[in-house]
N, C-alpha and C. Protein backbone atom coordinates (compact mmCIF):
# COMPACT_ATOMS: atom_id res chain seq x y z
N MET A 1 6.54 11.53 85.46
CA MET A 1 5.07 11.42 85.60
C MET A 1 4.69 10.05 85.25
N VAL A 2 3.83 9.47 85.99
CA VAL A 2 3.27 8.16 85.76
C VAL A 2 2.16 8.30 84.83
N GLU A 3 2.19 7.37 83.76
CA GLU A 3 1.04 7.40 82.83
C GLU A 3 -0.16 6.80 83.41
N PRO A 4 -1.28 7.27 83.06
CA PRO A 4 -2.55 6.61 83.59
C PRO A 4 -2.67 5.23 83.06
N PHE A 5 -3.36 4.32 83.89
CA PHE A 5 -3.52 2.95 83.46
C PHE A 5 -4.01 2.79 82.16
N SER A 6 -4.93 3.53 81.69
CA SER A 6 -5.45 3.32 80.35
C SER A 6 -4.43 3.57 79.26
N GLN A 7 -3.59 4.58 79.45
CA GLN A 7 -2.56 4.74 78.41
C GLN A 7 -1.57 3.66 78.41
N ARG A 8 -1.20 3.11 79.60
CA ARG A 8 -0.25 1.95 79.64
C ARG A 8 -0.83 0.81 78.98
N VAL A 9 -2.16 0.57 79.12
CA VAL A 9 -2.78 -0.56 78.47
C VAL A 9 -2.72 -0.44 76.95
N LYS A 10 -3.06 0.68 76.51
CA LYS A 10 -3.00 0.97 75.06
C LYS A 10 -1.63 0.78 74.40
N ASP A 11 -0.71 1.33 75.23
CA ASP A 11 0.77 1.10 74.72
C ASP A 11 1.11 -0.44 74.64
N ILE A 12 0.73 -1.21 75.66
CA ILE A 12 0.99 -2.57 75.73
C ILE A 12 0.27 -3.32 74.58
N ILE A 13 -0.95 -3.03 74.32
CA ILE A 13 -1.68 -3.70 73.26
C ILE A 13 -1.03 -3.35 71.93
N LYS A 14 -0.62 -2.23 71.78
CA LYS A 14 0.01 -1.93 70.46
C LYS A 14 1.29 -2.61 70.27
N LYS A 15 1.96 -3.15 71.20
CA LYS A 15 3.20 -3.95 71.20
C LYS A 15 2.98 -5.45 70.80
N ILE A 16 1.77 -5.91 70.93
CA ILE A 16 1.54 -7.35 70.75
C ILE A 16 1.72 -7.59 69.23
N PRO A 17 2.76 -8.43 68.92
CA PRO A 17 3.05 -8.63 67.45
C PRO A 17 1.98 -9.48 66.70
N ARG A 18 2.00 -9.28 65.48
CA ARG A 18 1.22 -10.13 64.60
C ARG A 18 1.55 -11.63 64.79
N GLY A 19 0.46 -12.41 64.83
CA GLY A 19 0.70 -13.85 65.06
C GLY A 19 0.80 -14.34 66.49
N LYS A 20 0.72 -13.31 67.48
CA LYS A 20 0.64 -13.51 68.87
C LYS A 20 -0.65 -13.07 69.56
N VAL A 21 -0.92 -13.58 70.67
CA VAL A 21 -2.04 -13.03 71.51
C VAL A 21 -1.55 -12.75 72.93
N ALA A 22 -2.45 -12.00 73.55
CA ALA A 22 -2.27 -11.76 75.04
C ALA A 22 -3.60 -11.79 75.64
N THR A 23 -3.66 -12.16 76.99
CA THR A 23 -4.92 -12.09 77.75
C THR A 23 -5.17 -10.78 78.31
N TYR A 24 -6.48 -10.64 78.67
CA TYR A 24 -6.83 -9.43 79.38
C TYR A 24 -6.05 -9.23 80.65
N GLY A 25 -5.93 -10.34 81.46
CA GLY A 25 -5.33 -10.28 82.69
C GLY A 25 -3.82 -10.11 82.58
N GLN A 26 -3.19 -10.61 81.47
CA GLN A 26 -1.73 -10.40 81.32
C GLN A 26 -1.49 -9.00 80.91
N ILE A 27 -2.35 -8.41 80.21
CA ILE A 27 -2.20 -6.83 79.92
C ILE A 27 -2.38 -6.07 81.07
N ALA A 28 -3.43 -6.37 81.94
CA ALA A 28 -3.58 -5.60 83.12
C ALA A 28 -2.26 -5.72 84.13
N ALA A 29 -1.77 -6.91 84.20
CA ALA A 29 -0.67 -7.08 85.05
C ALA A 29 0.62 -6.27 84.45
N PHE A 30 0.76 -6.37 83.14
CA PHE A 30 1.92 -5.61 82.59
C PHE A 30 1.73 -4.07 82.79
N ALA A 31 0.48 -3.70 82.85
CA ALA A 31 0.19 -2.21 83.07
C ALA A 31 0.23 -1.82 84.50
N GLY A 32 0.39 -2.76 85.43
CA GLY A 32 0.64 -2.44 86.83
C GLY A 32 -0.65 -2.67 87.72
N SER A 33 -1.68 -3.36 87.17
CA SER A 33 -2.87 -3.58 87.98
C SER A 33 -3.36 -5.02 87.66
N PRO A 34 -2.75 -6.10 88.22
CA PRO A 34 -3.01 -7.45 87.88
C PRO A 34 -4.45 -7.88 87.91
N ARG A 35 -5.32 -7.14 88.76
CA ARG A 35 -6.61 -7.46 88.99
C ARG A 35 -7.65 -6.68 88.12
N ALA A 36 -7.09 -5.99 87.20
CA ALA A 36 -7.98 -5.05 86.37
C ALA A 36 -8.25 -5.54 84.87
N ALA A 37 -8.41 -6.85 84.74
CA ALA A 37 -8.69 -7.36 83.44
C ALA A 37 -10.00 -6.82 82.85
N ARG A 38 -10.98 -6.54 83.67
CA ARG A 38 -12.25 -5.89 83.13
C ARG A 38 -11.95 -4.58 82.67
N GLN A 39 -11.16 -3.87 83.22
CA GLN A 39 -10.77 -2.50 82.82
C GLN A 39 -10.09 -2.54 81.46
N VAL A 40 -9.34 -3.54 81.16
CA VAL A 40 -8.71 -3.75 79.84
C VAL A 40 -9.84 -3.86 78.85
N THR A 41 -10.76 -4.73 79.16
CA THR A 41 -11.90 -4.93 78.33
C THR A 41 -12.66 -3.57 77.97
N ARG A 42 -12.85 -2.80 78.98
CA ARG A 42 -13.49 -1.49 78.79
C ARG A 42 -12.65 -0.62 77.90
N ILE A 43 -11.36 -0.52 78.20
CA ILE A 43 -10.47 0.30 77.32
C ILE A 43 -10.50 -0.15 75.91
N LEU A 44 -10.53 -1.48 75.70
CA LEU A 44 -10.44 -1.96 74.35
C LEU A 44 -11.81 -1.53 73.65
N HIS A 45 -12.85 -1.77 74.39
CA HIS A 45 -14.18 -1.44 73.77
C HIS A 45 -14.29 -0.03 73.37
N SER A 46 -13.82 0.93 74.18
CA SER A 46 -13.94 2.32 73.95
C SER A 46 -12.84 2.99 73.11
N SER A 47 -11.69 2.27 72.93
CA SER A 47 -10.61 2.82 72.32
C SER A 47 -9.97 2.18 71.10
N SER A 48 -10.48 0.95 70.81
CA SER A 48 -9.81 0.18 69.66
C SER A 48 -9.87 0.91 68.34
N ARG A 49 -11.03 1.38 68.02
CA ARG A 49 -11.09 2.11 66.72
C ARG A 49 -10.30 3.37 66.64
N LYS A 50 -10.53 4.31 67.60
CA LYS A 50 -9.92 5.66 67.57
C LYS A 50 -8.44 5.56 67.75
N ASP A 51 -7.91 4.60 68.44
CA ASP A 51 -6.51 4.48 68.78
C ASP A 51 -5.81 3.45 67.89
N LYS A 52 -6.63 2.83 66.95
CA LYS A 52 -6.05 1.79 66.00
C LYS A 52 -5.35 0.73 66.81
N LEU A 53 -5.95 0.09 67.75
CA LEU A 53 -5.42 -0.95 68.66
C LEU A 53 -5.70 -2.25 67.96
N PRO A 54 -4.71 -3.11 67.98
CA PRO A 54 -4.86 -4.52 67.35
C PRO A 54 -5.69 -5.38 68.41
N TRP A 55 -7.00 -4.98 68.54
CA TRP A 55 -7.90 -5.56 69.52
C TRP A 55 -8.08 -7.02 69.26
N GLN A 56 -7.97 -7.60 68.08
CA GLN A 56 -8.08 -8.94 67.72
C GLN A 56 -7.02 -9.83 68.51
N ARG A 57 -6.02 -9.28 68.95
CA ARG A 57 -4.94 -10.09 69.58
C ARG A 57 -5.21 -10.31 71.11
N VAL A 58 -6.25 -9.78 71.59
CA VAL A 58 -6.53 -9.89 73.01
C VAL A 58 -7.65 -10.94 73.16
N ILE A 59 -7.27 -11.94 73.98
CA ILE A 59 -8.31 -13.04 74.23
C ILE A 59 -8.38 -13.33 75.75
N ASN A 60 -9.20 -14.22 76.10
CA ASN A 60 -9.45 -14.52 77.50
C ASN A 60 -8.40 -15.52 78.07
N ALA A 61 -8.43 -15.81 79.31
CA ALA A 61 -7.38 -16.59 79.98
C ALA A 61 -7.59 -18.11 79.62
N GLN A 62 -8.68 -18.49 78.96
CA GLN A 62 -8.92 -19.83 78.63
C GLN A 62 -8.44 -20.10 77.15
N GLY A 63 -7.82 -19.06 76.54
CA GLY A 63 -7.30 -19.21 75.26
C GLY A 63 -8.38 -19.08 74.16
N LYS A 64 -9.50 -18.46 74.48
CA LYS A 64 -10.62 -18.27 73.60
C LYS A 64 -10.92 -16.81 73.30
N ILE A 65 -11.66 -16.66 72.31
CA ILE A 65 -12.21 -15.30 71.96
C ILE A 65 -13.29 -15.04 72.88
N SER A 66 -13.41 -13.92 73.55
CA SER A 66 -14.48 -13.58 74.38
C SER A 66 -15.86 -13.05 73.82
N LEU A 67 -15.66 -12.59 72.53
CA LEU A 67 -16.96 -12.15 71.85
C LEU A 67 -17.74 -13.25 71.44
N LYS A 68 -19.06 -12.98 71.39
CA LYS A 68 -20.14 -14.00 71.20
C LYS A 68 -20.31 -14.24 69.63
N PRO A 69 -20.53 -15.44 69.13
CA PRO A 69 -20.88 -15.66 67.77
C PRO A 69 -21.91 -14.63 67.34
N GLY A 70 -21.72 -14.05 66.04
CA GLY A 70 -22.74 -13.11 65.61
C GLY A 70 -22.53 -11.65 66.08
N ASN A 71 -21.51 -11.56 67.08
CA ASN A 71 -21.26 -10.34 67.74
C ASN A 71 -19.69 -9.89 67.66
N GLY A 72 -19.11 -10.37 66.57
CA GLY A 72 -17.65 -10.05 66.27
C GLY A 72 -16.73 -11.20 66.44
N TYR A 73 -17.27 -12.36 67.03
CA TYR A 73 -16.48 -13.53 67.19
C TYR A 73 -15.80 -13.98 65.90
N GLU A 74 -16.65 -14.13 64.80
CA GLU A 74 -16.15 -14.61 63.60
C GLU A 74 -15.14 -13.70 62.91
N VAL A 75 -15.28 -12.38 63.15
CA VAL A 75 -14.39 -11.38 62.56
C VAL A 75 -13.08 -11.51 63.30
N GLN A 76 -13.04 -11.60 64.54
CA GLN A 76 -11.84 -11.67 65.37
C GLN A 76 -11.13 -13.06 64.99
N LYS A 77 -11.85 -14.15 64.85
CA LYS A 77 -11.19 -15.36 64.54
C LYS A 77 -10.55 -15.34 63.12
N ARG A 78 -11.31 -14.73 62.22
CA ARG A 78 -10.85 -14.68 60.89
C ARG A 78 -9.49 -13.79 60.75
N ILE A 79 -9.41 -12.68 61.46
CA ILE A 79 -8.32 -11.88 61.49
C ILE A 79 -7.18 -12.57 62.06
N LEU A 80 -7.35 -13.17 63.23
CA LEU A 80 -6.27 -13.98 63.85
C LEU A 80 -5.63 -15.06 62.99
N GLU A 81 -6.61 -15.82 62.32
CA GLU A 81 -6.19 -16.89 61.39
C GLU A 81 -5.36 -16.27 60.30
N ARG A 82 -5.70 -15.15 59.70
CA ARG A 82 -4.94 -14.46 58.68
C ARG A 82 -3.48 -14.08 59.23
N GLU A 83 -3.43 -13.77 60.53
CA GLU A 83 -2.19 -13.47 61.17
C GLU A 83 -1.32 -14.75 61.42
N GLY A 84 -1.92 -15.93 61.14
CA GLY A 84 -1.15 -17.07 61.48
C GLY A 84 -1.49 -17.76 62.80
N VAL A 85 -2.40 -17.33 63.51
CA VAL A 85 -2.83 -17.98 64.71
C VAL A 85 -3.77 -19.12 64.42
N LYS A 86 -3.44 -20.28 64.96
CA LYS A 86 -4.33 -21.52 64.77
C LYS A 86 -5.20 -21.76 65.98
N PHE A 87 -6.32 -22.33 65.70
CA PHE A 87 -7.28 -22.73 66.74
C PHE A 87 -7.42 -24.25 66.68
N ASP A 88 -7.56 -24.88 67.88
CA ASP A 88 -7.94 -26.26 67.85
C ASP A 88 -9.35 -26.51 67.53
N ILE A 89 -9.76 -27.81 67.58
CA ILE A 89 -11.17 -28.10 67.32
C ILE A 89 -12.21 -27.53 68.31
N TYR A 90 -11.88 -26.99 69.43
CA TYR A 90 -12.70 -26.37 70.41
C TYR A 90 -12.52 -24.84 70.36
N ASP A 91 -11.83 -24.41 69.29
CA ASP A 91 -11.54 -23.00 69.13
C ASP A 91 -10.66 -22.34 70.24
N VAL A 92 -9.77 -23.14 70.72
CA VAL A 92 -8.86 -22.63 71.71
C VAL A 92 -7.48 -22.44 71.09
N ILE A 93 -6.83 -21.34 71.50
CA ILE A 93 -5.50 -20.93 70.94
C ILE A 93 -4.46 -21.58 71.94
N ASP A 94 -3.48 -22.25 71.36
CA ASP A 94 -2.38 -22.78 72.15
C ASP A 94 -1.44 -21.82 72.69
N PHE A 95 -1.45 -21.55 74.04
CA PHE A 95 -0.62 -20.47 74.65
C PHE A 95 0.82 -20.82 74.53
N ASP A 96 1.28 -22.05 74.51
CA ASP A 96 2.61 -22.36 74.40
C ASP A 96 3.17 -21.89 73.08
N LYS A 97 2.34 -21.80 72.05
CA LYS A 97 2.80 -21.37 70.66
C LYS A 97 2.54 -19.97 70.45
N TYR A 98 1.48 -19.40 70.87
CA TYR A 98 0.97 -18.09 70.46
C TYR A 98 0.93 -17.01 71.52
N LEU A 99 1.14 -17.31 72.80
CA LEU A 99 0.99 -16.30 73.82
C LEU A 99 2.25 -15.40 73.70
N TRP A 100 1.92 -14.15 73.62
CA TRP A 100 2.98 -13.16 73.60
C TRP A 100 3.78 -13.11 74.91
N LYS A 101 5.11 -13.18 74.84
CA LYS A 101 5.96 -13.09 75.97
C LYS A 101 6.93 -11.92 75.71
N PRO A 102 6.59 -10.80 76.13
CA PRO A 102 7.47 -9.57 75.86
C PRO A 102 8.85 -9.81 76.65
N GLU A 103 9.85 -9.29 76.01
CA GLU A 103 11.22 -9.31 76.54
C GLU A 103 11.30 -8.60 77.85
């Protein structure tokens, strides 16, 4: 039986290791729907807490946190920094160093 997209997304997010990040689009592609990045956002928003997803490890394709300052941005950045992820002066994460590349 094929798992529904949302379950595949959750399973993928749970595999992102500490100190690494993945993009919404990357997760959508791994889950079998490369054009469903917005669905990944919806799943994260509705399931992060109840499914204990490492939501902080999911960022946008520009290497930035998508949350707005004052609306979770600072929390996500602080958690990622604690995990060893570094930001440049423009708050961009270096994909060459921190992008998760599953085997």
